[in-house]
Protein backbone atom coordinates (compact mmCIF):
# COMPACT_ATOMS: atom_id res chain seq x y z
CA UNK A 1 173.91 89.36 -25.07
CA UNK A 2 177.58 89.86 -25.76
CA UNK A 3 179.99 89.60 -22.84
CA UNK A 4 182.87 92.10 -22.80
CA UNK A 5 185.79 91.87 -20.40
CA UNK A 6 187.56 95.16 -19.79
CA UNK A 7 190.97 95.71 -18.18
CA UNK A 8 190.87 96.82 -14.55
CA UNK A 9 191.60 100.51 -15.22
CA UNK A 10 188.74 100.74 -17.75
CA UNK A 11 186.34 98.93 -15.39
CA UNK A 12 187.20 101.54 -12.77
CA UNK A 13 186.68 104.37 -15.23
CA UNK A 14 183.31 102.94 -16.40
CA UNK A 15 182.35 102.17 -12.76
CA UNK A 16 181.56 98.53 -13.46
CA UNK A 17 182.66 95.30 -11.86
CA UNK A 18 183.20 92.08 -13.74
CA UNK A 19 181.98 91.63 -17.30
CA UNK A 20 179.91 94.13 -19.23
CA UNK A 21 176.94 92.74 -21.13
CA UNK A 22 175.67 94.42 -24.28
CA UNK A 23 172.95 93.52 -26.77
CA UNK A 24 174.25 92.05 -30.01
CA UNK A 25 175.05 95.09 -32.15
CA UNK A 26 173.81 95.63 -35.67
CA UNK A 27 176.02 95.07 -37.55
CA UNK A 28 177.57 92.31 -35.44
CA UNK A 29 181.10 93.35 -36.23
CA UNK A 30 184.06 94.32 -34.11
CA UNK A 31 183.44 97.99 -34.91
CA UNK A 32 179.72 97.64 -34.14
CA UNK A 33 180.54 96.11 -30.76
CA UNK A 34 182.95 98.92 -29.91
CA UNK A 35 180.36 101.52 -31.01
CA UNK A 36 177.79 99.87 -28.71
CA UNK A 37 180.28 99.74 -25.82
CA UNK A 38 181.13 103.44 -26.15
CA UNK A 39 177.43 104.33 -26.46
CA UNK A 40 176.64 102.43 -23.27
CA UNK A 41 179.71 103.81 -21.45
CA UNK A 42 180.55 107.21 -22.98
CA UNK A 43 183.41 107.68 -20.51
CA UNK A 44 185.27 105.02 -22.49
CA UNK A 45 185.23 107.11 -25.69
CA UNK A 46 188.82 107.78 -26.66
CA UNK A 47 190.24 105.21 -24.24
CA UNK A 48 189.96 102.15 -26.46
CA UNK A 49 189.91 103.86 -29.85
CA UNK A 50 191.12 107.24 -31.06
CA UNK A 51 188.36 109.91 -30.93
CA UNK A 52 188.76 110.98 -34.55
CA UNK A 53 190.02 107.97 -36.53
CA UNK A 54 188.34 105.28 -34.38
CA UNK A 55 191.51 103.20 -34.75
CA UNK A 56 192.55 100.95 -31.88
CA UNK A 57 194.88 102.61 -29.38
CA UNK A 58 198.45 101.25 -29.64
CA UNK A 59 198.52 99.52 -26.27
CA UNK A 60 195.06 97.98 -26.47
CA UNK A 61 194.45 94.49 -27.84
CA UNK A 62 191.28 92.55 -28.68
CA UNK A 63 190.88 88.79 -28.20
CA UNK A 64 188.02 86.34 -28.67
CA UNK A 65 187.82 82.56 -28.89
CA UNK A 66 191.59 82.21 -28.47
CA UNK A 67 192.29 84.54 -31.41
CA UNK A 68 194.01 87.92 -31.49
CA UNK A 69 191.59 90.23 -33.34
CA UNK A 70 193.60 93.37 -32.74
CA UNK A 71 194.68 93.83 -36.33
CA UNK A 72 191.39 92.89 -37.97
CA UNK A 73 189.39 95.71 -39.59
CA UNK A 74 186.33 97.17 -37.82
CA UNK A 75 184.02 95.40 -40.28
CA UNK A 76 185.41 92.03 -39.21
CA UNK A 77 182.43 89.88 -38.11
CA UNK A 78 182.32 88.79 -34.50
CA UNK A 79 182.85 85.07 -33.93
CA UNK A 80 179.59 83.18 -33.52
CA UNK A 81 180.51 82.11 -29.96
CA UNK A 82 180.88 85.80 -29.02
CA UNK A 83 177.54 86.74 -30.60
CA UNK A 84 175.79 84.02 -28.61
CA UNK A 85 177.46 85.03 -25.35
CA UNK A 86 179.24 81.70 -25.00
CA UNK A 87 182.67 83.30 -25.18
CA UNK A 88 183.59 86.83 -24.06
CA UNK A 89 185.19 89.57 -26.15
CA UNK A 90 188.35 90.58 -24.30
CA UNK A 91 189.81 94.07 -24.36
CA UNK A 92 193.29 93.85 -22.93
CA UNK A 93 195.86 96.50 -22.05
CA UNK A 94 199.13 95.37 -23.65
CA UNK A 95 202.21 95.11 -21.50
CA UNK A 96 205.34 97.05 -22.45
CA UNK A 97 208.62 97.84 -20.85
CA UNK A 98 211.88 96.18 -20.00
């Protein structure tokens, strides 16, 4: 199982507490994981990625294993530690302002 940590506002929207656990998607890529997350929690469709282009929303970031994966393409393979459930895949709302 893959562990996904959502920001507080998306946990509220999806009506979950804590981490979300999903089966390892096929393919085990960043895009496959996001497809599986949106399939399991349809209310998140359009919140993390654009409805049409499926591109990451501007103020959403992805992290795993101490790496910023936000600018990697959807076909980027998930780190092995994420696929085994050892490390979580983090979806983070970026901070902006002055």
